[in-house]
Every structure is written in C-alpha cells, then in structure tokens.
Amino acid sequence: MPEFIDPSSTLLTSFLAAVAEFRADQDYPVPWFVDDVDPKALVDPAAFEAYTARVVDERNPSGTRPGFVPMTTLWWVDGERFLGRLAIRHRLTPVLERFGGHIGYDVRPSARRQGHATAMLAAALPIARSLGISEALVMCDRTNIASQRVIEANGGQLLDVTEQKRRYWVATTRSDPRHPR
C-alpha cells in the first residue's frame, strides 16, 4: 500500500530509475525537482545521502536555500519503489502565488494513471493543515487535464485560469466528515 515517507537514501536505485523515466518522458516537461537533484547524488551514494538530508532539512527556515521558502518534501512509495514526490511549501511568495502554489506533486511516468496523484494530494492536505495552511493553493498547467481532475477530486475550487495555469483553492479540512476525500 503506497504511503508517504521522508526522502531516504535507502531508495537510491528506485529514485534514480524514476529520474531516468522523468527525463525520457516526451509527454511532459521534466519536473523542476529532477533538475534540482545535486548532480553528484546521481552517481555517488554518499552524495545521494547528503541530498536527501538537504531535502529533509528544507523544512526548517535554517535549512532553506536562498530564493526558496521552507517546504516539506515527501516521497510516495510502495515498499522500496519510489512512485512520486510531493512538496508542501509552508508559505507563498508572489512567484509561488502565480506559478507554484502551496502543493506540488509529480508521479513517475510508469506509475501514472493509477490514482497515485489523487491519493497523494488527499494525504497531503492534513499535513498542510498541521503546518497552518487552512486553504492550499494548488495549480496545474492549463492543458494538464489529469492534474485538473486530481485537484477537483480533492475539492479544488477554481480560482482562475491564467495564460499558463489553472489555479485552485483546496480546503485542508472537510466540512462533512461523512464524505472523505
């Protein structure tokens, strides 16, 4: 059963296979987090361990890199198989309000269309709530119908459609507990 875990060096092989899938995927642009992986981490296990430690430390203001906000990154895994990643940005900047939002997620190409993105977003909402986010800004590219459905399945209310993005507010609490996400 898939679940969130903290980024972990124990998933090196599966993570690297997912990175290769993302880079080979001709249907979608390479996610930013793939290009953000420290290059040495792709070839050296010790550097990969340092990379995962850096990603976990970005939850704390002291571990946040210049130009970034604190964010909680989680990996969606099934056993030892890396399926995807999700980041919850603890606050928004003007750029994130237009292009990133509070929550971003990516599912490796071989695991798409299996309900993982919908489950990931649903599982992330209580975590966002615990970070003080009552409504999460979640967005997708205008043409990404699959992500649009994921957001709407999780209660997303369309805020607007810009030249590049569809932007939604998603409550991190449910008003009716009889209707879970």
N, C-alpha and C. Protein backbone atom coordinates (compact mmCIF):
# COMPACT_ATOMS: atom_id res chain seq x y z
N MET A 1 0.85 -1.19 0.00
CA MET A 1 0.00 0.00 0.00
C MET A 1 0.89 1.24 0.00
N PRO A 2 0.73 2.12 -0.98
CA PRO A 2 1.57 3.32 -1.04
C PRO A 2 1.38 4.21 0.18
N GLU A 3 2.47 4.91 0.51
CA GLU A 3 2.47 5.82 1.66
C GLU A 3 3.55 6.87 1.47
N PHE A 4 3.44 7.94 2.25
CA PHE A 4 4.48 8.95 2.28
C PHE A 4 5.58 8.53 3.22
N ILE A 5 6.81 8.82 2.83
CA ILE A 5 7.96 8.70 3.72
C ILE A 5 8.82 9.94 3.52
N ASP A 6 9.70 10.19 4.46
CA ASP A 6 10.70 11.23 4.27
C ASP A 6 11.67 10.76 3.20
N PRO A 7 12.22 11.67 2.40
CA PRO A 7 13.25 11.27 1.44
C PRO A 7 14.33 10.46 2.15
N SER A 8 14.72 9.35 1.52
CA SER A 8 15.63 8.41 2.17
C SER A 8 16.64 7.85 1.18
N SER A 9 17.87 7.75 1.64
CA SER A 9 18.93 7.19 0.78
C SER A 9 18.72 5.71 0.51
N THR A 10 17.84 5.06 1.26
CA THR A 10 17.58 3.63 1.01
C THR A 10 16.87 3.39 -0.32
N LEU A 11 16.31 4.44 -0.91
CA LEU A 11 15.59 4.30 -2.17
C LEU A 11 16.41 4.78 -3.38
N LEU A 12 17.71 4.81 -3.22
CA LEU A 12 18.59 5.32 -4.28
C LEU A 12 18.28 4.69 -5.64
N THR A 13 18.27 3.37 -5.73
CA THR A 13 18.09 2.70 -7.01
C THR A 13 16.75 3.05 -7.65
N SER A 14 15.69 2.99 -6.88
CA SER A 14 14.37 3.28 -7.41
C SER A 14 14.22 4.76 -7.77
N PHE A 15 14.78 5.64 -6.95
CA PHE A 15 14.74 7.07 -7.24
C PHE A 15 15.46 7.37 -8.55
N LEU A 16 16.64 6.79 -8.74
CA LEU A 16 17.40 7.02 -9.97
C LEU A 16 16.65 6.50 -11.19
N ALA A 17 15.98 5.37 -11.05
CA ALA A 17 15.17 4.84 -12.16
C ALA A 17 14.03 5.81 -12.49
N ALA A 18 13.42 6.39 -11.46
CA ALA A 18 12.35 7.36 -11.68
C ALA A 18 12.88 8.61 -12.37
N VAL A 19 14.04 9.08 -11.95
CA VAL A 19 14.65 10.25 -12.59
C VAL A 19 14.86 9.97 -14.07
N ALA A 20 15.36 8.79 -14.40
CA ALA A 20 15.55 8.42 -15.81
C ALA A 20 14.21 8.42 -16.56
N GLU A 21 13.15 7.92 -15.92
CA GLU A 21 11.83 7.93 -16.55
C GLU A 21 11.35 9.35 -16.82
N PHE A 22 11.50 10.22 -15.81
CA PHE A 22 11.07 11.61 -15.99
C PHE A 22 11.81 12.26 -17.16
N ARG A 23 13.11 12.01 -17.24
CA ARG A 23 13.90 12.63 -18.31
C ARG A 23 13.56 12.06 -19.68
N ALA A 24 13.15 10.81 -19.75
CA ALA A 24 12.82 10.17 -21.03
C ALA A 24 11.39 10.47 -21.48
N ASP A 25 10.55 10.95 -20.58
CA ASP A 25 9.14 11.19 -20.89
C ASP A 25 9.00 12.34 -21.88
N GLN A 26 8.46 12.04 -23.04
CA GLN A 26 8.28 13.05 -24.08
C GLN A 26 6.96 13.80 -23.96
N ASP A 27 6.06 13.31 -23.10
CA ASP A 27 4.73 13.91 -23.00
C ASP A 27 4.65 15.09 -22.03
N TYR A 28 5.58 15.15 -21.07
CA TYR A 28 5.55 16.21 -20.05
C TYR A 28 6.95 16.78 -19.86
N PRO A 29 7.04 18.04 -19.48
CA PRO A 29 8.36 18.60 -19.18
C PRO A 29 8.97 17.90 -17.96
N VAL A 30 10.28 17.89 -17.88
CA VAL A 30 10.97 17.32 -16.73
C VAL A 30 10.62 18.16 -15.51
N PRO A 31 10.13 17.54 -14.42
CA PRO A 31 9.79 18.31 -13.22
C PRO A 31 11.01 19.05 -12.66
N TRP A 32 10.76 20.19 -12.06
CA TRP A 32 11.87 21.01 -11.55
C TRP A 32 12.70 20.24 -10.53
N PHE A 33 12.06 19.39 -9.72
CA PHE A 33 12.82 18.71 -8.67
C PHE A 33 13.88 17.77 -9.26
N VAL A 34 13.64 17.24 -10.46
CA VAL A 34 14.62 16.36 -11.10
C VAL A 34 15.88 17.15 -11.43
N ASP A 35 15.70 18.35 -11.98
CA ASP A 35 16.86 19.18 -12.30
C ASP A 35 17.51 19.75 -11.04
N ASP A 36 16.80 19.71 -9.92
CA ASP A 36 17.31 20.25 -8.66
C ASP A 36 18.14 19.23 -7.88
N VAL A 37 18.14 17.98 -8.31
CA VAL A 37 18.94 16.96 -7.62
C VAL A 37 20.41 17.29 -7.81
N ASP A 38 21.16 17.28 -6.72
CA ASP A 38 22.59 17.54 -6.81
C ASP A 38 23.20 16.54 -7.80
N PRO A 39 23.91 16.99 -8.83
CA PRO A 39 24.45 16.08 -9.85
C PRO A 39 25.27 14.92 -9.28
N LYS A 40 26.08 15.17 -8.27
CA LYS A 40 26.87 14.08 -7.68
C LYS A 40 25.98 13.01 -7.05
N ALA A 41 24.78 13.43 -6.59
CA ALA A 41 23.87 12.48 -5.95
C ALA A 41 23.38 11.41 -6.92
N LEU A 42 23.49 11.68 -8.20
CA LEU A 42 23.04 10.73 -9.21
C LEU A 42 24.07 9.62 -9.47
N VAL A 43 25.27 9.78 -8.94
CA VAL A 43 26.32 8.79 -9.21
C VAL A 43 27.04 8.30 -7.95
N ASP A 44 26.86 8.99 -6.82
CA ASP A 44 27.60 8.67 -5.61
C ASP A 44 26.62 8.47 -4.45
N PRO A 45 26.56 7.26 -3.87
CA PRO A 45 25.63 7.01 -2.76
C PRO A 45 25.80 7.96 -1.58
N ALA A 46 27.02 8.35 -1.26
CA ALA A 46 27.22 9.28 -0.15
C ALA A 46 26.64 10.66 -0.49
N ALA A 47 26.80 11.08 -1.73
CA ALA A 47 26.23 12.35 -2.15
C ALA A 47 24.70 12.27 -2.19
N PHE A 48 24.16 11.11 -2.53
CA PHE A 48 22.70 10.94 -2.52
C PHE A 48 22.18 11.05 -1.09
N GLU A 49 22.90 10.48 -0.15
CA GLU A 49 22.50 10.58 1.26
C GLU A 49 22.52 12.05 1.71
N ALA A 50 23.54 12.79 1.28
CA ALA A 50 23.60 14.22 1.61
C ALA A 50 22.45 14.98 0.95
N TYR A 51 22.11 14.60 -0.27
CA TYR A 51 20.99 15.24 -0.97
C TYR A 51 19.68 15.01 -0.21
N THR A 52 19.41 13.77 0.18
CA THR A 52 18.15 13.51 0.90
C THR A 52 18.13 14.25 2.23
N ALA A 53 19.26 14.35 2.91
CA ALA A 53 19.33 15.10 4.17
C ALA A 53 19.02 16.58 3.92
N ARG A 54 19.56 17.13 2.82
CA ARG A 54 19.29 18.54 2.48
C ARG A 54 17.80 18.76 2.24
N VAL A 55 17.19 17.85 1.50
CA VAL A 55 15.76 17.99 1.19
C VAL A 55 14.93 17.96 2.47
N VAL A 56 15.25 17.05 3.36
CA VAL A 56 14.51 16.98 4.64
C VAL A 56 14.74 18.25 5.45
N ASP A 57 15.96 18.76 5.45
CA ASP A 57 16.29 19.95 6.24
C ASP A 57 15.62 21.21 5.71
N GLU A 58 15.14 21.18 4.47
CA GLU A 58 14.47 22.36 3.90
C GLU A 58 13.13 22.66 4.57
N ARG A 59 12.72 21.81 5.49
CA ARG A 59 11.50 22.07 6.26
C ARG A 59 11.73 23.19 7.26
N ASN A 60 12.97 23.40 7.62
CA ASN A 60 13.33 24.39 8.63
C ASN A 60 13.83 25.66 7.96
N PRO A 61 13.46 26.82 8.48
CA PRO A 61 13.97 28.05 7.88
C PRO A 61 15.49 28.07 7.78
N SER A 62 16.18 27.49 8.75
CA SER A 62 17.65 27.49 8.72
C SER A 62 18.20 26.60 7.61
N GLY A 63 17.42 25.66 7.10
CA GLY A 63 17.88 24.77 6.04
C GLY A 63 17.40 25.17 4.66
N THR A 64 16.71 26.30 4.59
CA THR A 64 16.14 26.75 3.33
C THR A 64 17.19 27.49 2.50
N ARG A 65 17.29 27.13 1.24
CA ARG A 65 18.23 27.78 0.34
C ARG A 65 17.73 29.17 -0.06
N PRO A 66 18.63 30.07 -0.43
CA PRO A 66 18.21 31.39 -0.90
C PRO A 66 17.24 31.26 -2.08
N GLY A 67 16.18 32.06 -2.04
CA GLY A 67 15.19 32.03 -3.10
C GLY A 67 14.09 31.00 -2.90
N PHE A 68 14.19 30.19 -1.85
CA PHE A 68 13.19 29.17 -1.55
C PHE A 68 12.48 29.52 -0.24
N VAL A 69 11.34 28.92 -0.03
CA VAL A 69 10.65 29.02 1.26
C VAL A 69 10.75 27.64 1.93
N PRO A 70 10.58 27.58 3.24
CA PRO A 70 10.57 26.25 3.86
C PRO A 70 9.51 25.37 3.19
N MET A 71 9.87 24.11 2.95
CA MET A 71 8.92 23.18 2.34
C MET A 71 9.16 21.77 2.87
N THR A 72 8.07 21.07 3.00
CA THR A 72 8.11 19.68 3.41
C THR A 72 7.99 18.83 2.17
N THR A 73 9.05 18.10 1.85
CA THR A 73 9.05 17.20 0.70
C THR A 73 8.88 15.78 1.21
N LEU A 74 7.97 15.07 0.60
CA LEU A 74 7.69 13.68 0.96
C LEU A 74 7.75 12.83 -0.30
N TRP A 75 8.15 11.60 -0.11
CA TRP A 75 8.18 10.65 -1.23
C TRP A 75 7.04 9.66 -1.07
N TRP A 76 6.35 9.41 -2.16
CA TRP A 76 5.25 8.44 -2.22
C TRP A 76 5.87 7.13 -2.68
N VAL A 77 5.79 6.12 -1.83
CA VAL A 77 6.46 4.86 -2.12
C VAL A 77 5.52 3.69 -1.88
N ASP A 78 5.83 2.60 -2.55
CA ASP A 78 5.18 1.33 -2.29
C ASP A 78 6.31 0.35 -2.00
N GLY A 79 6.52 0.06 -0.73
CA GLY A 79 7.65 -0.76 -0.34
C GLY A 79 8.93 -0.01 -0.64
N GLU A 80 9.74 -0.58 -1.51
CA GLU A 80 11.01 0.05 -1.87
C GLU A 80 10.95 0.73 -3.24
N ARG A 81 9.74 0.91 -3.76
CA ARG A 81 9.58 1.54 -5.08
C ARG A 81 9.13 2.98 -4.92
N PHE A 82 9.96 3.88 -5.42
CA PHE A 82 9.65 5.31 -5.46
C PHE A 82 8.59 5.53 -6.54
N LEU A 83 7.44 6.09 -6.14
CA LEU A 83 6.35 6.35 -7.08
C LEU A 83 6.23 7.82 -7.45
N GLY A 84 6.60 8.69 -6.51
CA GLY A 84 6.46 10.11 -6.78
C GLY A 84 6.92 10.93 -5.60
N ARG A 85 6.85 12.25 -5.79
CA ARG A 85 7.21 13.16 -4.71
C ARG A 85 6.20 14.29 -4.64
N LEU A 86 6.10 14.84 -3.45
CA LEU A 86 5.18 15.93 -3.21
C LEU A 86 5.88 16.93 -2.30
N ALA A 87 5.68 18.20 -2.58
CA ALA A 87 6.24 19.25 -1.73
C ALA A 87 5.13 20.16 -1.26
N ILE A 88 5.15 20.46 0.03
CA ILE A 88 4.23 21.43 0.61
C ILE A 88 5.06 22.65 1.00
N ARG A 89 4.82 23.74 0.32
CA ARG A 89 5.52 24.98 0.64
C ARG A 89 4.80 25.64 1.81
N HIS A 90 5.54 25.98 2.84
CA HIS A 90 4.94 26.46 4.08
C HIS A 90 4.32 27.84 3.96
N ARG A 91 4.74 28.61 2.98
CA ARG A 91 4.16 29.93 2.73
C ARG A 91 4.35 30.25 1.26
N LEU A 92 3.62 31.26 0.82
CA LEU A 92 3.69 31.66 -0.58
C LEU A 92 4.47 32.95 -0.76
N THR A 93 5.15 33.04 -1.88
CA THR A 93 5.77 34.27 -2.34
C THR A 93 4.94 34.75 -3.53
N PRO A 94 5.15 35.96 -4.00
CA PRO A 94 4.41 36.38 -5.20
C PRO A 94 4.61 35.43 -6.39
N VAL A 95 5.81 34.90 -6.57
CA VAL A 95 6.05 33.96 -7.68
C VAL A 95 5.27 32.66 -7.45
N LEU A 96 5.30 32.14 -6.23
CA LEU A 96 4.56 30.90 -5.94
C LEU A 96 3.06 31.12 -6.08
N GLU A 97 2.57 32.31 -5.78
CA GLU A 97 1.15 32.60 -5.96
C GLU A 97 0.75 32.50 -7.42
N ARG A 98 1.67 32.79 -8.32
CA ARG A 98 1.35 32.78 -9.75
C ARG A 98 1.70 31.47 -10.44
N PHE A 99 2.77 30.78 -9.97
CA PHE A 99 3.28 29.65 -10.74
C PHE A 99 3.51 28.36 -9.96
N GLY A 100 3.41 28.36 -8.64
CA GLY A 100 3.76 27.15 -7.91
C GLY A 100 2.72 26.67 -6.92
N GLY A 101 2.19 27.59 -6.12
CA GLY A 101 1.22 27.23 -5.11
C GLY A 101 1.85 26.61 -3.87
N HIS A 102 0.99 26.18 -2.96
CA HIS A 102 1.44 25.54 -1.73
C HIS A 102 1.92 24.11 -1.98
N ILE A 103 1.22 23.39 -2.84
CA ILE A 103 1.49 21.96 -3.01
C ILE A 103 1.78 21.66 -4.47
N GLY A 104 2.88 20.94 -4.66
CA GLY A 104 3.24 20.45 -5.99
C GLY A 104 3.54 18.97 -5.90
N TYR A 105 3.19 18.23 -6.92
CA TYR A 105 3.39 16.78 -6.90
C TYR A 105 3.78 16.29 -8.28
N ASP A 106 4.49 15.18 -8.29
CA ASP A 106 4.89 14.52 -9.54
C ASP A 106 4.84 13.02 -9.33
N VAL A 107 4.28 12.31 -10.28
CA VAL A 107 4.24 10.85 -10.26
C VAL A 107 5.11 10.35 -11.40
N ARG A 108 5.97 9.38 -11.10
CA ARG A 108 6.86 8.85 -12.14
C ARG A 108 6.02 8.30 -13.29
N PRO A 109 6.48 8.43 -14.51
CA PRO A 109 5.68 8.04 -15.67
C PRO A 109 5.11 6.62 -15.61
N SER A 110 5.87 5.64 -15.14
CA SER A 110 5.37 4.26 -15.13
C SER A 110 4.31 4.02 -14.06
N ALA A 111 4.08 5.00 -13.18
CA ALA A 111 3.07 4.85 -12.13
C ALA A 111 1.87 5.77 -12.34
N ARG A 112 1.83 6.47 -13.46
CA ARG A 112 0.72 7.38 -13.73
C ARG A 112 -0.54 6.62 -14.09
N ARG A 113 -1.66 7.32 -13.94
CA ARG A 113 -2.99 6.81 -14.27
C ARG A 113 -3.39 5.62 -13.40
N GLN A 114 -2.88 5.61 -12.18
CA GLN A 114 -3.21 4.55 -11.23
C GLN A 114 -3.79 5.12 -9.93
N GLY A 115 -4.11 6.42 -9.92
CA GLY A 115 -4.71 7.05 -8.76
C GLY A 115 -3.72 7.59 -7.74
N HIS A 116 -2.43 7.51 -8.05
CA HIS A 116 -1.43 7.95 -7.07
C HIS A 116 -1.50 9.46 -6.80
N ALA A 117 -1.63 10.27 -7.82
CA ALA A 117 -1.65 11.72 -7.61
C ALA A 117 -2.84 12.13 -6.75
N THR A 118 -4.00 11.55 -7.02
CA THR A 118 -5.19 11.86 -6.23
C THR A 118 -4.97 11.46 -4.77
N ALA A 119 -4.42 10.28 -4.55
CA ALA A 119 -4.16 9.81 -3.19
C ALA A 119 -3.09 10.66 -2.51
N MET A 120 -2.06 11.06 -3.25
CA MET A 120 -1.00 11.89 -2.68
C MET A 120 -1.55 13.23 -2.21
N LEU A 121 -2.34 13.88 -3.06
CA LEU A 121 -2.89 15.18 -2.67
C LEU A 121 -3.81 15.03 -1.47
N ALA A 122 -4.64 14.00 -1.46
CA ALA A 122 -5.54 13.78 -0.32
C ALA A 122 -4.74 13.57 0.96
N ALA A 123 -3.67 12.80 0.89
CA ALA A 123 -2.85 12.53 2.09
C ALA A 123 -2.06 13.76 2.51
N ALA A 124 -1.79 14.67 1.58
CA ALA A 124 -1.02 15.87 1.91
C ALA A 124 -1.85 16.94 2.61
N LEU A 125 -3.15 16.96 2.39
CA LEU A 125 -3.97 18.04 2.94
C LEU A 125 -3.93 18.11 4.47
N PRO A 126 -4.02 16.99 5.20
CA PRO A 126 -3.90 17.10 6.67
C PRO A 126 -2.51 17.57 7.10
N ILE A 127 -1.50 17.24 6.33
CA ILE A 127 -0.14 17.70 6.65
C ILE A 127 -0.07 19.21 6.46
N ALA A 128 -0.64 19.69 5.37
CA ALA A 128 -0.68 21.14 5.13
C ALA A 128 -1.44 21.83 6.27
N ARG A 129 -2.54 21.24 6.69
CA ARG A 129 -3.32 21.80 7.80
C ARG A 129 -2.45 21.89 9.06
N SER A 130 -1.66 20.85 9.32
CA SER A 130 -0.81 20.85 10.51
C SER A 130 0.28 21.93 10.43
N LEU A 131 0.56 22.41 9.23
CA LEU A 131 1.54 23.49 9.04
C LEU A 131 0.89 24.87 9.09
N GLY A 132 -0.42 24.90 9.38
CA GLY A 132 -1.13 26.17 9.50
C GLY A 132 -1.76 26.66 8.20
N ILE A 133 -1.83 25.81 7.20
CA ILE A 133 -2.42 26.18 5.92
C ILE A 133 -3.87 25.70 5.91
N SER A 134 -4.82 26.65 5.99
CA SER A 134 -6.24 26.24 6.02
C SER A 134 -6.79 26.01 4.62
N GLU A 135 -6.27 26.75 3.65
CA GLU A 135 -6.61 26.54 2.25
C GLU A 135 -5.30 26.52 1.48
N ALA A 136 -5.12 25.48 0.70
CA ALA A 136 -3.89 25.34 -0.08
C ALA A 136 -4.14 25.81 -1.51
N LEU A 137 -3.24 26.61 -2.00
CA LEU A 137 -3.27 26.99 -3.41
C LEU A 137 -2.56 25.88 -4.19
N VAL A 138 -3.32 25.25 -5.09
CA VAL A 138 -2.78 24.15 -5.89
C VAL A 138 -3.08 24.49 -7.34
N MET A 139 -2.09 24.27 -8.20
CA MET A 139 -2.29 24.63 -9.60
C MET A 139 -1.70 23.60 -10.54
N CYS A 140 -2.14 23.69 -11.77
CA CYS A 140 -1.61 22.81 -12.81
C CYS A 140 -1.54 23.60 -14.10
N ASP A 141 -0.79 23.08 -15.05
CA ASP A 141 -0.75 23.70 -16.36
C ASP A 141 -2.16 23.69 -16.96
N ARG A 142 -2.46 24.69 -17.73
CA ARG A 142 -3.80 24.81 -18.35
C ARG A 142 -4.22 23.56 -19.09
N THR A 143 -3.25 22.91 -19.74
CA THR A 143 -3.57 21.77 -20.59
C THR A 143 -3.47 20.42 -19.89
N ASN A 144 -3.13 20.41 -18.61
CA ASN A 144 -2.95 19.16 -17.88
C ASN A 144 -4.29 18.70 -17.29
N ILE A 145 -5.07 18.02 -18.10
CA ILE A 145 -6.41 17.59 -17.70
C ILE A 145 -6.34 16.59 -16.55
N ALA A 146 -5.35 15.71 -16.56
CA ALA A 146 -5.22 14.72 -15.49
C ALA A 146 -5.02 15.42 -14.14
N SER A 147 -4.15 16.41 -14.08
CA SER A 147 -3.91 17.11 -12.82
C SER A 147 -5.14 17.95 -12.44
N GLN A 148 -5.82 18.50 -13.41
CA GLN A 148 -7.06 19.23 -13.13
C GLN A 148 -8.04 18.30 -12.42
N ARG A 149 -8.18 17.08 -12.90
CA ARG A 149 -9.10 16.11 -12.27
C ARG A 149 -8.65 15.73 -10.87
N VAL A 150 -7.33 15.61 -10.66
CA VAL A 150 -6.79 15.29 -9.33
C VAL A 150 -7.19 16.38 -8.34
N ILE A 151 -6.97 17.62 -8.73
CA ILE A 151 -7.27 18.74 -7.84
C ILE A 151 -8.76 18.83 -7.56
N GLU A 152 -9.57 18.70 -8.59
CA GLU A 152 -11.02 18.78 -8.40
C GLU A 152 -11.55 17.60 -7.59
N ALA A 153 -10.95 16.42 -7.73
CA ALA A 153 -11.37 15.26 -6.94
C ALA A 153 -11.07 15.47 -5.46
N ASN A 154 -10.14 16.36 -5.16
CA ASN A 154 -9.79 16.67 -3.78
C ASN A 154 -10.45 17.96 -3.30
N GLY A 155 -11.51 18.36 -3.98
CA GLY A 155 -12.28 19.52 -3.52
C GLY A 155 -11.80 20.85 -4.02
N GLY A 156 -10.92 20.88 -5.00
CA GLY A 156 -10.39 22.14 -5.50
C GLY A 156 -11.47 23.01 -6.09
N GLN A 157 -11.45 24.28 -5.69
CA GLN A 157 -12.39 25.28 -6.20
C GLN A 157 -11.59 26.21 -7.10
N LEU A 158 -11.98 26.28 -8.36
CA LEU A 158 -11.24 27.06 -9.33
C LEU A 158 -11.20 28.53 -8.93
N LEU A 159 -10.00 29.07 -8.81
CA LEU A 159 -9.78 30.48 -8.53
C LEU A 159 -9.76 31.25 -9.85
N ASP A 160 -8.93 30.80 -10.77
CA ASP A 160 -8.86 31.44 -12.07
C ASP A 160 -8.03 30.59 -13.02
N VAL A 161 -8.04 31.01 -14.27
CA VAL A 161 -7.22 30.39 -15.31
C VAL A 161 -6.38 31.51 -15.90
N THR A 162 -5.08 31.36 -15.78
CA THR A 162 -4.17 32.36 -16.32
C THR A 162 -3.70 31.89 -17.70
N GLU A 163 -2.79 32.61 -18.26
CA GLU A 163 -2.26 32.22 -19.57
C GLU A 163 -1.60 30.84 -19.51
N GLN A 164 -1.00 30.50 -18.34
CA GLN A 164 -0.28 29.23 -18.22
C GLN A 164 -0.92 28.24 -17.25
N LYS A 165 -1.65 28.71 -16.25
CA LYS A 165 -2.06 27.83 -15.15
C LYS A 165 -3.55 27.88 -14.88
N ARG A 166 -4.03 26.77 -14.31
CA ARG A 166 -5.35 26.71 -13.68
C ARG A 166 -5.04 26.73 -12.18
N ARG A 167 -5.59 27.70 -11.44
CA ARG A 167 -5.29 27.85 -10.02
C ARG A 167 -6.53 27.54 -9.20
N TYR A 168 -6.32 26.74 -8.15
CA TYR A 168 -7.42 26.28 -7.30
C TYR A 168 -7.10 26.54 -5.83
N TRP A 169 -8.14 26.77 -5.04
CA TRP A 169 -8.04 26.71 -3.59
C TRP A 169 -8.59 25.36 -3.17
N VAL A 170 -7.85 24.68 -2.30
CA VAL A 170 -8.29 23.39 -1.77
C VAL A 170 -8.29 23.48 -0.25
N ALA A 171 -9.46 23.30 0.34
CA ALA A 171 -9.55 23.32 1.80
C ALA A 171 -8.76 22.15 2.37
N THR A 172 -8.08 22.38 3.47
CA THR A 172 -7.31 21.30 4.10
C THR A 172 -8.13 20.61 5.18
N THR A 173 -9.38 21.04 5.35
CA THR A 173 -10.32 20.37 6.26
C THR A 173 -11.58 20.08 5.48
N ARG A 174 -12.30 19.09 5.92
CA ARG A 174 -13.58 18.76 5.30
C ARG A 174 -14.69 19.26 6.20
N SER A 175 -15.71 19.85 5.60
CA SER A 175 -16.84 20.32 6.41
C SER A 175 -17.77 19.18 6.78
N ASP A 176 -17.78 18.09 6.00
CA ASP A 176 -18.65 16.96 6.27
C ASP A 176 -17.79 15.69 6.38
N PRO A 177 -17.52 15.22 7.62
CA PRO A 177 -16.65 14.05 7.78
C PRO A 177 -17.21 12.76 7.19
N ARG A 178 -18.49 12.73 6.84
CA ARG A 178 -19.07 11.53 6.23
C ARG A 178 -18.66 11.38 4.78
N HIS A 179 -18.08 12.43 4.20
CA HIS A 179 -17.66 12.41 2.80
C HIS A 179 -16.15 12.65 2.73
N PRO A 180 -15.36 11.63 3.05
CA PRO A 180 -13.91 11.84 2.99
C PRO A 180 -13.45 12.05 1.56
N ARG A 181 -12.29 12.58 1.46
CA ARG A 181 -11.69 12.84 0.14
C ARG A 181 -11.54 11.57 -0.64
